[in-house]
Amino acid sequence: MKSQGEKSYPHFEKGLQYQSRDGTTTRCNTVDVYLPRDPGQDKSHRIWIVYIHGGGWRDPLIQSDSFEPALHTLLKSPPQLESIAGFASINYRMSPYPQHPTDPSSNDDQGRNVRFPDHLHDVLDALAFLQDKYGFGDQYVLAGHSAGATLAYQVVMDCWRHGPYPALPLAVAGLAGVYDFTAIVARHPGVPMYTEIVENAFGPKQNWDHAAPAVWLGKVGSLNETWPNGRLAVIAYSEEDELVEPEESVALWEVLTGSRNASDLRRVELVKSRGPHDAQWEQGTELASLILKAVDMLATKLT
C-alpha cells in the first residue's frame, strides 16, 4: 500500500521548475517528465529521451506538451520502451512575438523577450537540472523538432559554453531542423517571415553563421573536439515539409560526414520522414518513429 505522497508508477509530472543561469525563473523555465518505472529501483542500463520543442523560437502555442502525441506512440512500443528509463520535454524562454494572433507577447514578459543564446542556455540549464535530479549523466538521446532540432545540435556545438554545462548526450536526433539561417532566408526572398523569424531570434545577419550548426561546424568547430562522447547523430527531413526544405538537413549531414567532423566512434544518419512541418509532431507518429530509430541505432552502436 502506497503511503501518502508516495509516487506510483508510471508517473507523469508536468511543470517542474528549473532556474536559468542568470537567476531568472519564468513560466517558460519548466520541464515535463514521464517515468515508466521507479528510477530509484531501476538499476539496469537504460537511457533517457529528452525532447526540445520547436515553434520558431517564439510560438507560445508550441510548448513542452507538443511532445505528448509522440509520447503516447512511444509508450505503445514495448521492445524499445524496455530500454528507456524516462522521458522529458523542455520549455525554454522565447523571443518576442507581439503580432501573434491570439497570444501576443508583451514587453514586460520575461519569458518571451529573449534572443539567442538565452534559448540555448535555458536548454542547457534544464538538462543540468534533469541530470542532477535523476542522475542519468550522458545516457540520453536529445531530440528536437524544427527550432528544437536546431537547439539540439547547438548543444553539442560548444560555441556558447558559458557557465554550468551538462553532460552531453550519447545521441542527437533532429527532425525538420534549421541548420543554416543564411541559406534558408536566401531560398525565400519573397517571404519576409523567414528573415523576421531569424532576426527575431538571433539578431542582425552578422550573428547568424556563428549560431548555425551547418556553418559553424563546417568552418570553425569540430564535433571531435566539442562532442567526444557522441555516438550517434540522426538528421531527419520530409519532402512534404512546406516550411523547411530537405536542403537544411542535407547541408548538416554533409558537414557531419566531412573530414572535419567524421569519426569512427560516431554514426551519422540522414533519414527521410513524412508529412507537412507541424504534422510531424502534431500526429506524433513521425517524431516517435525518429526517436525509436535513434534508440535502435544507438543500441547497435553501443554493443
C-alpha atoms as a PDB file:
ATOM      1  CA  MET A   1       0.000   0.000   0.000  1.00  0.00           C
ATOM      2  CA  LYS A   2       1.327   3.438  -1.011  1.00  0.00           C
ATOM      3  CA  SER A   3       1.897   5.929   1.785  1.00  0.00           C
ATOM      4  CA  GLN A   4       0.593   9.460   1.405  1.00  0.00           C
ATOM      5  CA  GLY A   5       2.759  11.455  -1.012  1.00  0.00           C
ATOM      6  CA  GLU A   6       4.490   8.338  -2.355  1.00  0.00           C
ATOM      7  CA  LYS A   7       4.592   8.231  -6.142  1.00  0.00           C
ATOM      8  CA  SER A   8       3.011   5.458  -8.139  1.00  0.00           C
ATOM      9  CA  TYR A   9       4.352   4.348 -11.499  1.00  0.00           C
ATOM     10  CA  PRO A  10       4.101   5.031 -14.367  1.00  0.00           C
ATOM     11  CA  HIS A  11       4.398   8.644 -13.171  1.00  0.00           C
ATOM     12  CA  PHE A  12       3.785  11.837 -15.174  1.00  0.00           C
ATOM     13  CA  GLU A  13       4.808  15.185 -13.714  1.00  0.00           C
ATOM     14  CA  LYS A  14       4.284  18.466 -15.561  1.00  0.00           C
ATOM     15  CA  GLY A  15       5.800  21.866 -14.959  1.00  0.00           C
ATOM     16  CA  LEU A  16       8.886  21.014 -12.910  1.00  0.00           C
ATOM     17  CA  GLN A  17      10.652  24.351 -12.425  1.00  0.00           C
ATOM     18  CA  TYR A  18      14.310  24.943 -13.175  1.00  0.00           C
ATOM     19  CA  GLN A  19      16.282  28.155 -12.830  1.00  0.00           C
ATOM     20  CA  SER A  20      18.195  29.745 -15.699  1.00  0.00           C
ATOM     21  CA  ARG A  21      21.853  30.636 -15.159  1.00  0.00           C
ATOM     22  CA  ASP A  22      21.060  34.361 -14.970  1.00  0.00           C
ATOM     23  CA  GLY A  23      18.798  33.681 -11.984  1.00  0.00           C
ATOM     24  CA  THR A  24      15.579  34.051 -13.967  1.00  0.00           C
ATOM     25  CA  THR A  25      12.663  31.753 -13.237  1.00  0.00           C
ATOM     26  CA  THR A  26       9.666  32.194 -15.534  1.00  0.00           C
ATOM     27  CA  ARG A  27       6.663  30.121 -16.534  1.00  0.00           C
ATOM     28  CA  CYS A  28       8.759  29.043 -19.528  1.00  0.00           C
ATOM     29  CA  ASN A  29      11.531  27.549 -17.374  1.00  0.00           C
ATOM     30  CA  THR A  30       9.878  24.176 -16.838  1.00  0.00           C
ATOM     31  CA  VAL A  31      10.182  20.543 -17.849  1.00  0.00           C
ATOM     32  CA  ASP A  32       7.642  17.740 -18.099  1.00  0.00           C
ATOM     33  CA  VAL A  33       8.782  14.268 -17.037  1.00  0.00           C
ATOM     34  CA  TYR A  34       7.289  10.816 -17.628  1.00  0.00           C
ATOM     35  CA  LEU A  35       8.730   7.865 -15.705  1.00  0.00           C
ATOM     36  CA  PRO A  36       7.634   4.370 -16.821  1.00  0.00           C
ATOM     37  CA  ARG A  37       9.069   2.880 -13.605  1.00  0.00           C
ATOM     38  CA  ASP A  38      10.680   3.947 -10.328  1.00  0.00           C
ATOM     39  CA  PRO A  39      14.113   5.356 -11.269  1.00  0.00           C
ATOM     40  CA  GLY A  40      15.402   4.672  -7.751  1.00  0.00           C
ATOM     41  CA  GLN A  41      14.839   0.944  -8.196  1.00  0.00           C
ATOM     42  CA  ASP A  42      15.917   0.825 -11.832  1.00  0.00           C
ATOM     43  CA  LYS A  43      19.489  -0.446 -11.826  1.00  0.00           C
ATOM     44  CA  SER A  44      19.610  -1.640 -15.432  1.00  0.00           C
ATOM     45  CA  HIS A  45      21.337   0.178 -18.272  1.00  0.00           C
ATOM     46  CA  ARG A  46      18.554   2.328 -19.676  1.00  0.00           C
ATOM     47  CA  ILE A  47      18.635   5.672 -21.472  1.00  0.00           C
ATOM     48  CA  TRP A  48      16.527   8.814 -21.267  1.00  0.00           C
ATOM     49  CA  ILE A  49      14.751  10.608 -24.104  1.00  0.00           C
ATOM     50  CA  VAL A  50      14.860  14.401 -23.766  1.00  0.00           C
ATOM     51  CA  TYR A  51      12.837  16.493 -26.217  1.00  0.00           C
ATOM     52  CA  ILE A  52      13.081  20.163 -27.264  1.00  0.00           C
ATOM     53  CA  HIS A  53      10.011  21.684 -28.922  1.00  0.00           C
ATOM     54  CA  GLY A  54      10.028  23.927 -31.977  1.00  0.00           C
ATOM     55  CA  GLY A  55       7.918  26.946 -32.856  1.00  0.00           C
ATOM     56  CA  GLY A  56      10.408  29.336 -34.437  1.00  0.00           C
ATOM     57  CA  TRP A  57      11.861  30.251 -31.034  1.00  0.00           C
ATOM     58  CA  ARG A  58       8.711  32.316 -30.416  1.00  0.00           C
ATOM     59  CA  ASP A  59       5.364  30.497 -30.817  1.00  0.00           C
ATOM     60  CA  PRO A  60       3.543  30.399 -27.445  1.00  0.00           C
ATOM     61  CA  LEU A  61       1.217  27.629 -28.642  1.00  0.00           C
ATOM     62  CA  ILE A  62       4.022  25.102 -29.224  1.00  0.00           C
ATOM     63  CA  GLN A  63       5.356  24.106 -25.827  1.00  0.00           C
ATOM     64  CA  SER A  64       6.591  21.050 -23.952  1.00  0.00           C
ATOM     65  CA  ASP A  65       3.186  19.360 -24.235  1.00  0.00           C
ATOM     66  CA  SER A  66       3.698  19.162 -28.001  1.00  0.00           C
ATOM     67  CA  PHE A  67       5.693  16.013 -27.227  1.00  0.00           C
ATOM     68  CA  GLU A  68       2.664  14.198 -25.827  1.00  0.00           C
ATOM     69  CA  PRO A  69       1.331  12.778 -29.140  1.00  0.00           C
ATOM     70  CA  ALA A  70       4.737  11.198 -29.786  1.00  0.00           C
ATOM     71  CA  LEU A  71       4.955  10.043 -26.154  1.00  0.00           C
ATOM     72  CA  HIS A  72       1.641   8.196 -26.449  1.00  0.00           C
ATOM     73  CA  THR A  73       3.006   6.389 -29.514  1.00  0.00           C
ATOM     74  CA  LEU A  74       6.305   5.589 -27.799  1.00  0.00           C
ATOM     75  CA  LEU A  75       4.510   4.082 -24.813  1.00  0.00           C
ATOM     76  CA  LYS A  76       2.947   1.553 -27.208  1.00  0.00           C
ATOM     77  CA  SER A  77       6.378   0.298 -28.320  1.00  0.00           C
ATOM     78  CA  PRO A  78       7.258  -2.329 -25.674  1.00  0.00           C
ATOM     79  CA  PRO A  79      10.612  -3.529 -27.081  1.00  0.00           C
ATOM     80  CA  GLN A  80      12.204  -0.054 -27.116  1.00  0.00           C
ATOM     81  CA  LEU A  81      10.295   1.120 -24.029  1.00  0.00           C
ATOM     82  CA  GLU A  82      12.085  -1.543 -22.029  1.00  0.00           C
ATOM     83  CA  SER A  83      15.386   0.224 -22.755  1.00  0.00           C
ATOM     84  CA  ILE A  84      14.108   3.717 -21.798  1.00  0.00           C
ATOM     85  CA  ALA A  85      14.357   4.958 -18.208  1.00  0.00           C
ATOM     86  CA  GLY A  86      12.377   8.166 -18.662  1.00  0.00           C
ATOM     87  CA  PHE A  87      11.147  10.918 -20.941  1.00  0.00           C
ATOM     88  CA  ALA A  88      11.474  14.673 -20.507  1.00  0.00           C
ATOM     89  CA  SER A  89      10.240  17.620 -22.554  1.00  0.00           C
ATOM     90  CA  ILE A  90      11.816  21.049 -22.092  1.00  0.00           C
ATOM     91  CA  ASN A  91      10.274  24.515 -22.132  1.00  0.00           C
ATOM     92  CA  TYR A  92      12.604  27.478 -22.606  1.00  0.00           C
ATOM     93  CA  ARG A  93      12.247  31.247 -22.780  1.00  0.00           C
ATOM     94  CA  MET A  94      11.200  32.554 -26.173  1.00  0.00           C
ATOM     95  CA  SER A  95      11.796  35.526 -28.409  1.00  0.00           C
ATOM     96  CA  PRO A  96       9.085  38.198 -28.643  1.00  0.00           C
ATOM     97  CA  TYR A  97       6.018  37.670 -30.799  1.00  0.00           C
ATOM     98  CA  PRO A  98       3.855  40.790 -30.305  1.00  0.00           C
ATOM     99  CA  GLN A  99       1.915  40.141 -33.530  1.00  0.00           C
ATOM    100  CA  HIS A 100       0.742  36.651 -32.535  1.00  0.00           C
ATOM    101  CA  PRO A 101      -2.991  36.499 -33.360  1.00  0.00           C
ATOM    102  CA  THR A 102      -4.244  35.004 -30.087  1.00  0.00           C
ATOM    103  CA  ASP A 103      -1.441  35.329 -27.511  1.00  0.00           C
ATOM    104  CA  PRO A 104       0.785  38.309 -28.319  1.00  0.00           C
ATOM    105  CA  SER A 105       3.863  38.834 -26.172  1.00  0.00           C
ATOM    106  CA  SER A 106       4.247  41.932 -24.034  1.00  0.00           C
ATOM    107  CA  ASN A 107       7.399  43.907 -23.265  1.00  0.00           C
ATOM    108  CA  ASP A 108       7.253  43.051 -19.571  1.00  0.00           C
ATOM    109  CA  ASP A 109       7.024  39.270 -20.063  1.00  0.00           C
ATOM    110  CA  GLN A 110      10.428  37.876 -19.007  1.00  0.00           C
ATOM    111  CA  GLY A 111       9.633  34.529 -20.575  1.00  0.00           C
ATOM    112  CA  ARG A 112       9.036  35.909 -24.063  1.00  0.00           C
ATOM    113  CA  ASN A 113      11.612  38.623 -24.667  1.00  0.00           C
ATOM    114  CA  VAL A 114      14.973  36.893 -25.129  1.00  0.00           C
ATOM    115  CA  ARG A 115      17.335  36.287 -28.012  1.00  0.00           C
ATOM    116  CA  PHE A 116      19.975  33.675 -28.658  1.00  0.00           C
ATOM    117  CA  PRO A 117      21.920  32.357 -26.793  1.00  0.00           C
ATOM    118  CA  ASP A 118      19.316  32.585 -23.997  1.00  0.00           C
ATOM    119  CA  HIS A 119      17.166  29.843 -25.585  1.00  0.00           C
ATOM    120  CA  LEU A 120      20.194  27.556 -25.659  1.00  0.00           C
ATOM    121  CA  HIS A 121      21.308  28.465 -22.148  1.00  0.00           C
ATOM    122  CA  ASP A 122      17.851  27.542 -20.856  1.00  0.00           C
ATOM    123  CA  VAL A 123      18.042  24.156 -22.574  1.00  0.00           C
ATOM    124  CA  LEU A 124      21.484  23.571 -21.032  1.00  0.00           C
ATOM    125  CA  ASP A 125      20.194  24.565 -17.593  1.00  0.00           C
ATOM    126  CA  ALA A 126      17.176  22.280 -17.975  1.00  0.00           C
ATOM    127  CA  LEU A 127      19.474  19.381 -18.910  1.00  0.00           C
ATOM    128  CA  ALA A 128      21.656  20.076 -15.878  1.00  0.00           C
ATOM    129  CA  PHE A 129      18.538  20.155 -13.674  1.00  0.00           C
ATOM    130  CA  LEU A 130      17.317  16.814 -15.040  1.00  0.00           C
ATOM    131  CA  GLN A 131      20.723  15.183 -14.688  1.00  0.00           C
ATOM    132  CA  ASP A 132      21.043  16.392 -11.116  1.00  0.00           C
ATOM    133  CA  LYS A 133      17.551  15.181 -10.201  1.00  0.00           C
ATOM    134  CA  TYR A 134      17.605  11.818 -11.971  1.00  0.00           C
ATOM    135  CA  GLY A 135      21.324  11.100 -12.288  1.00  0.00           C
ATOM    136  CA  PHE A 136      21.402   9.882 -15.883  1.00  0.00           C
ATOM    137  CA  GLY A 137      24.595  11.714 -16.930  1.00  0.00           C
ATOM    138  CA  ASP A 138      25.250  11.298 -20.656  1.00  0.00           C
ATOM    139  CA  GLN A 139      22.892   8.337 -21.026  1.00  0.00           C
ATOM    140  CA  TYR A 140      20.286  10.090 -23.119  1.00  0.00           C
ATOM    141  CA  VAL A 141      19.074  10.881 -26.618  1.00  0.00           C
ATOM    142  CA  LEU A 142      18.481  14.594 -27.211  1.00  0.00           C
ATOM    143  CA  ALA A 143      15.703  15.021 -29.774  1.00  0.00           C
ATOM    144  CA  GLY A 144      14.046  18.085 -31.262  1.00  0.00           C
ATOM    145  CA  HIS A 145      11.737  19.305 -33.984  1.00  0.00           C
ATOM    146  CA  SER A 146      12.324  22.422 -36.118  1.00  0.00           C
ATOM    147  CA  ALA A 147      13.868  25.096 -33.862  1.00  0.00           C
ATOM    148  CA  GLY A 148      14.154  22.360 -31.235  1.00  0.00           C
ATOM    149  CA  ALA A 149      16.292  20.295 -33.618  1.00  0.00           C
ATOM    150  CA  THR A 150      18.485  23.357 -34.166  1.00  0.00           C
ATOM    151  CA  LEU A 151      18.877  23.754 -30.405  1.00  0.00           C
ATOM    152  CA  ALA A 152      19.719  20.060 -30.005  1.00  0.00           C
ATOM    153  CA  TYR A 153      22.667  20.363 -32.390  1.00  0.00           C
ATOM    154  CA  GLN A 154      23.696  23.686 -30.855  1.00  0.00           C
ATOM    155  CA  VAL A 155      24.033  21.866 -27.526  1.00  0.00           C
ATOM    156  CA  VAL A 156      26.858  19.723 -28.916  1.00  0.00           C
ATOM    157  CA  MET A 157      28.490  22.557 -30.886  1.00  0.00           C
ATOM    158  CA  ASP A 158      30.065  24.013 -27.738  1.00  0.00           C
ATOM    159  CA  CYS A 159      30.498  27.506 -29.211  1.00  0.00           C
ATOM    160  CA  TRP A 160      28.332  29.072 -26.493  1.00  0.00           C
ATOM    161  CA  ARG A 161      29.726  27.269 -23.455  1.00  0.00           C
ATOM    162  CA  HIS A 162      29.379  29.753 -20.625  1.00  0.00           C
ATOM    163  CA  GLY A 163      28.728  28.814 -17.018  1.00  0.00           C
ATOM    164  CA  PRO A 164      27.371  25.412 -15.960  1.00  0.00           C
ATOM    165  CA  TYR A 165      27.346  22.782 -18.669  1.00  0.00           C
ATOM    166  CA  PRO A 166      25.554  19.430 -18.508  1.00  0.00           C
ATOM    167  CA  ALA A 167      26.858  16.064 -19.628  1.00  0.00           C
ATOM    168  CA  LEU A 168      26.358  15.873 -23.383  1.00  0.00           C
ATOM    169  CA  PRO A 169      24.066  13.232 -24.910  1.00  0.00           C
ATOM    170  CA  LEU A 170      25.160   9.979 -26.479  1.00  0.00           C
ATOM    171  CA  ALA A 171      22.866  10.734 -29.423  1.00  0.00           C
ATOM    172  CA  VAL A 172      21.126  13.670 -31.087  1.00  0.00           C
ATOM    173  CA  ALA A 173      18.058  13.247 -33.310  1.00  0.00           C
ATOM    174  CA  GLY A 174      16.808  16.301 -35.199  1.00  0.00           C
ATOM    175  CA  LEU A 175      13.601  16.419 -37.237  1.00  0.00           C
ATOM    176  CA  ALA A 176      12.975  19.269 -39.722  1.00  0.00           C
ATOM    177  CA  GLY A 177      15.732  21.378 -38.212  1.00  0.00           C
ATOM    178  CA  VAL A 178      17.072  24.702 -39.489  1.00  0.00           C
ATOM    179  CA  TYR A 179      20.861  24.457 -39.678  1.00  0.00           C
ATOM    180  CA  ASP A 180      21.922  27.315 -41.988  1.00  0.00           C
ATOM    181  CA  PHE A 181      19.987  30.517 -41.320  1.00  0.00           C
ATOM    182  CA  THR A 182      21.533  32.499 -44.167  1.00  0.00           C
ATOM    183  CA  ALA A 183      20.686  29.752 -46.666  1.00  0.00           C
ATOM    184  CA  ILE A 184      17.054  29.284 -45.637  1.00  0.00           C
ATOM    185  CA  VAL A 185      16.428  33.045 -45.775  1.00  0.00           C
ATOM    186  CA  ALA A 186      18.095  33.210 -49.215  1.00  0.00           C
ATOM    187  CA  ARG A 187      15.833  30.432 -50.531  1.00  0.00           C
ATOM    188  CA  HIS A 188      12.745  32.527 -49.676  1.00  0.00           C
ATOM    189  CA  PRO A 189      13.490  36.055 -50.946  1.00  0.00           C
ATOM    190  CA  GLY A 190       9.802  36.888 -51.337  1.00  0.00           C
ATOM    191  CA  VAL A 191       8.733  35.570 -47.938  1.00  0.00           C
ATOM    192  CA  PRO A 192       9.623  38.064 -45.185  1.00  0.00           C
ATOM    193  CA  MET A 193       8.575  35.604 -42.460  1.00  0.00           C
ATOM    194  CA  TYR A 194      11.917  33.782 -42.701  1.00  0.00           C
ATOM    195  CA  THR A 195      14.013  36.914 -42.201  1.00  0.00           C
ATOM    196  CA  GLU A 196      11.685  38.057 -39.433  1.00  0.00           C
ATOM    197  CA  ILE A 197      11.951  34.784 -37.504  1.00  0.00           C
ATOM    198  CA  VAL A 198      15.738  34.535 -37.782  1.00  0.00           C
ATOM    199  CA  GLU A 199      16.377  38.193 -36.913  1.00  0.00           C
ATOM    200  CA  ASN A 200      13.907  37.969 -34.046  1.00  0.00           C
ATOM    201  CA  ALA A 201      15.772  35.024 -32.535  1.00  0.00           C
ATOM    202  CA  PHE A 202      19.394  35.769 -33.479  1.00  0.00           C
ATOM    203  CA  GLY A 203      19.615  39.487 -34.162  1.00  0.00           C
ATOM    204  CA  PRO A 204      21.387  41.037 -37.181  1.00  0.00           C
ATOM    205  CA  LYS A 205      22.783  38.935 -40.003  1.00  0.00           C
ATOM    206  CA  GLN A 206      26.376  39.074 -38.773  1.00  0.00           C
ATOM    207  CA  ASN A 207      25.296  36.865 -35.838  1.00  0.00           C
ATOM    208  CA  TRP A 208      23.698  34.109 -37.867  1.00  0.00           C
ATOM    209  CA  ASP A 209      26.578  31.951 -39.065  1.00  0.00           C
ATOM    210  CA  HIS A 210      28.181  31.638 -35.640  1.00  0.00           C
ATOM    211  CA  ALA A 211      24.969  30.088 -34.308  1.00  0.00           C
ATOM    212  CA  ALA A 212      24.108  27.944 -37.365  1.00  0.00           C
ATOM    213  CA  PRO A 213      25.199  24.304 -36.871  1.00  0.00           C
ATOM    214  CA  ALA A 214      25.887  23.556 -40.551  1.00  0.00           C
ATOM    215  CA  VAL A 215      28.008  26.698 -40.916  1.00  0.00           C
ATOM    216  CA  TRP A 216      29.890  26.732 -37.612  1.00  0.00           C
ATOM    217  CA  LEU A 217      30.709  23.026 -37.718  1.00  0.00           C
ATOM    218  CA  GLY A 218      31.689  23.322 -41.359  1.00  0.00           C
ATOM    219  CA  LYS A 219      34.102  26.227 -40.936  1.00  0.00           C
ATOM    220  CA  VAL A 220      35.060  26.727 -37.291  1.00  0.00           C
ATOM    221  CA  GLY A 221      34.446  23.876 -34.876  1.00  0.00           C
ATOM    222  CA  SER A 222      34.572  20.096 -34.934  1.00  0.00           C
ATOM    223  CA  LEU A 223      32.379  17.578 -33.148  1.00  0.00           C
ATOM    224  CA  ASN A 224      35.505  15.537 -32.498  1.00  0.00           C
ATOM    225  CA  GLU A 225      36.524  18.293 -30.081  1.00  0.00           C
ATOM    226  CA  THR A 226      33.156  19.512 -28.811  1.00  0.00           C
ATOM    227  CA  TRP A 227      31.236  16.211 -28.555  1.00  0.00           C
ATOM    228  CA  PRO A 228      33.789  13.490 -27.766  1.00  0.00           C
ATOM    229  CA  ASN A 229      31.233  11.148 -26.149  1.00  0.00           C
ATOM    230  CA  GLY A 230      28.789  11.394 -29.076  1.00  0.00           C
ATOM    231  CA  ARG A 231      27.929   8.081 -30.697  1.00  0.00           C
ATOM    232  CA  LEU A 232      25.019   8.910 -32.998  1.00  0.00           C
ATOM    233  CA  ALA A 233      23.710  11.885 -34.985  1.00  0.00           C
ATOM    234  CA  VAL A 234      20.392  11.450 -36.797  1.00  0.00           C
ATOM    235  CA  ILE A 235      19.148  14.141 -39.168  1.00  0.00           C
ATOM    236  CA  ALA A 236      15.618  13.724 -40.496  1.00  0.00           C
ATOM    237  CA  TYR A 237      13.655  15.632 -43.130  1.00  0.00           C
ATOM    238  CA  SER A 238      10.401  15.358 -45.052  1.00  0.00           C
ATOM    239  CA  GLU A 239       9.979  16.171 -48.730  1.00  0.00           C
ATOM    240  CA  GLU A 240       6.394  17.152 -47.854  1.00  0.00           C
ATOM    241  CA  ASP A 241       7.586  19.827 -45.413  1.00  0.00           C
ATOM    242  CA  GLU A 242       6.263  23.165 -46.666  1.00  0.00           C
ATOM    243  CA  LEU A 243       8.396  25.291 -44.332  1.00  0.00           C
ATOM    244  CA  VAL A 244      11.845  23.690 -44.038  1.00  0.00           C
ATOM    245  CA  GLU A 245      13.356  22.162 -47.163  1.00  0.00           C
ATOM    246  CA  PRO A 246      15.459  18.965 -47.203  1.00  0.00           C
ATOM    247  CA  GLU A 247      18.477  21.123 -48.130  1.00  0.00           C
ATOM    248  CA  GLU A 248      18.794  22.131 -44.472  1.00  0.00           C
ATOM    249  CA  SER A 249      19.205  18.533 -43.324  1.00  0.00           C
ATOM    250  CA  VAL A 250      21.409  17.564 -46.250  1.00  0.00           C
ATOM    251  CA  ALA A 251      23.728  20.510 -45.509  1.00  0.00           C
ATOM    252  CA  LEU A 252      24.226  19.364 -41.916  1.00  0.00           C
ATOM    253  CA  TRP A 253      24.665  15.723 -42.952  1.00  0.00           C
ATOM    254  CA  GLU A 254      27.377  16.721 -45.446  1.00  0.00           C
ATOM    255  CA  VAL A 255      29.185  18.706 -42.762  1.00  0.00           C
ATOM    256  CA  LEU A 256      28.973  15.931 -40.159  1.00  0.00           C
ATOM    257  CA  THR A 257      30.252  13.299 -42.593  1.00  0.00           C
ATOM    258  CA  GLY A 258      33.033  15.548 -43.926  1.00  0.00           C
ATOM    259  CA  SER A 259      36.680  15.320 -42.906  1.00  0.00           C
ATOM    260  CA  ARG A 260      36.389  17.992 -40.178  1.00  0.00           C
ATOM    261  CA  ASN A 261      33.751  16.107 -38.184  1.00  0.00           C
ATOM    262  CA  ALA A 262      33.976  12.452 -39.264  1.00  0.00           C
ATOM    263  CA  SER A 263      34.730   9.908 -36.533  1.00  0.00           C
ATOM    264  CA  ASP A 264      34.823   6.133 -36.360  1.00  0.00           C
ATOM    265  CA  LEU A 265      33.121   6.412 -32.963  1.00  0.00           C
ATOM    266  CA  ARG A 266      30.116   8.337 -34.226  1.00  0.00           C
ATOM    267  CA  ARG A 267      27.436   7.170 -36.657  1.00  0.00           C
ATOM    268  CA  VAL A 268      25.714   9.839 -38.766  1.00  0.00           C
ATOM    269  CA  GLU A 269      22.416   9.032 -40.467  1.00  0.00           C
ATOM    270  CA  LEU A 270      20.259  11.061 -42.866  1.00  0.00           C
ATOM    271  CA  VAL A 271      16.686   9.814 -42.530  1.00  0.00           C
ATOM    272  CA  LYS A 272      13.643  10.520 -44.662  1.00  0.00           C
ATOM    273  CA  SER A 273      10.489  11.329 -42.715  1.00  0.00           C
ATOM    274  CA  ARG A 274       6.967  12.096 -43.926  1.00  0.00           C
ATOM    275  CA  GLY A 275       4.303  14.747 -43.653  1.00  0.00           C
ATOM    276  CA  PRO A 276       3.963  18.532 -43.515  1.00  0.00           C
ATOM    277  CA  HIS A 277       6.003  20.501 -40.999  1.00  0.00           C
ATOM    278  CA  ASP A 278       3.699  20.648 -37.974  1.00  0.00           C
ATOM    279  CA  ALA A 279       2.016  17.311 -38.673  1.00  0.00           C
ATOM    280  CA  GLN A 280       5.319  15.640 -37.840  1.00  0.00           C
ATOM    281  CA  TRP A 281       4.813  16.429 -34.148  1.00  0.00           C
ATOM    282  CA  GLU A 282       1.044  17.033 -34.039  1.00  0.00           C
ATOM    283  CA  GLN A 283       0.252  13.469 -35.109  1.00  0.00           C
ATOM    284  CA  GLY A 284       3.162  12.106 -33.108  1.00  0.00           C
ATOM    285  CA  THR A 285       3.939   9.146 -35.345  1.00  0.00           C
ATOM    286  CA  GLU A 286       6.831  10.650 -37.315  1.00  0.00           C
ATOM    287  CA  LEU A 287       8.534  12.128 -34.267  1.00  0.00           C
ATOM    288  CA  ALA A 288       8.085   8.860 -32.378  1.00  0.00           C
ATOM    289  CA  SER A 289       9.407   6.908 -35.359  1.00  0.00           C
ATOM    290  CA  LEU A 290      12.556   9.028 -35.441  1.00  0.00           C
ATOM    291  CA  ILE A 291      13.147   8.527 -31.716  1.00  0.00           C
ATOM    292  CA  LEU A 292      12.639   4.762 -31.991  1.00  0.00           C
ATOM    293  CA  LYS A 293      15.105   4.619 -34.874  1.00  0.00           C
ATOM    294  CA  ALA A 294      17.617   6.563 -32.797  1.00  0.00           C
ATOM    295  CA  VAL A 295      17.149   4.211 -29.827  1.00  0.00           C
ATOM    296  CA  ASP A 296      17.699   1.160 -32.048  1.00  0.00           C
ATOM    297  CA  MET A 297      20.712   2.700 -33.824  1.00  0.00           C
ATOM    298  CA  LEU A 298      22.274   3.738 -30.533  1.00  0.00           C
ATOM    299  CA  ALA A 299      21.827   0.260 -29.076  1.00  0.00           C
ATOM    300  CA  THR A 300      23.591  -1.190 -32.122  1.00  0.00           C
ATOM    301  CA  LYS A 301      26.404   1.357 -31.842  1.00  0.00           C
ATOM    302  CA  LEU A 302      26.962   0.641 -28.148  1.00  0.00           C
ATOM    303  CA  THR A 303      27.057  -3.161 -28.482  1.00  0.00           C
END
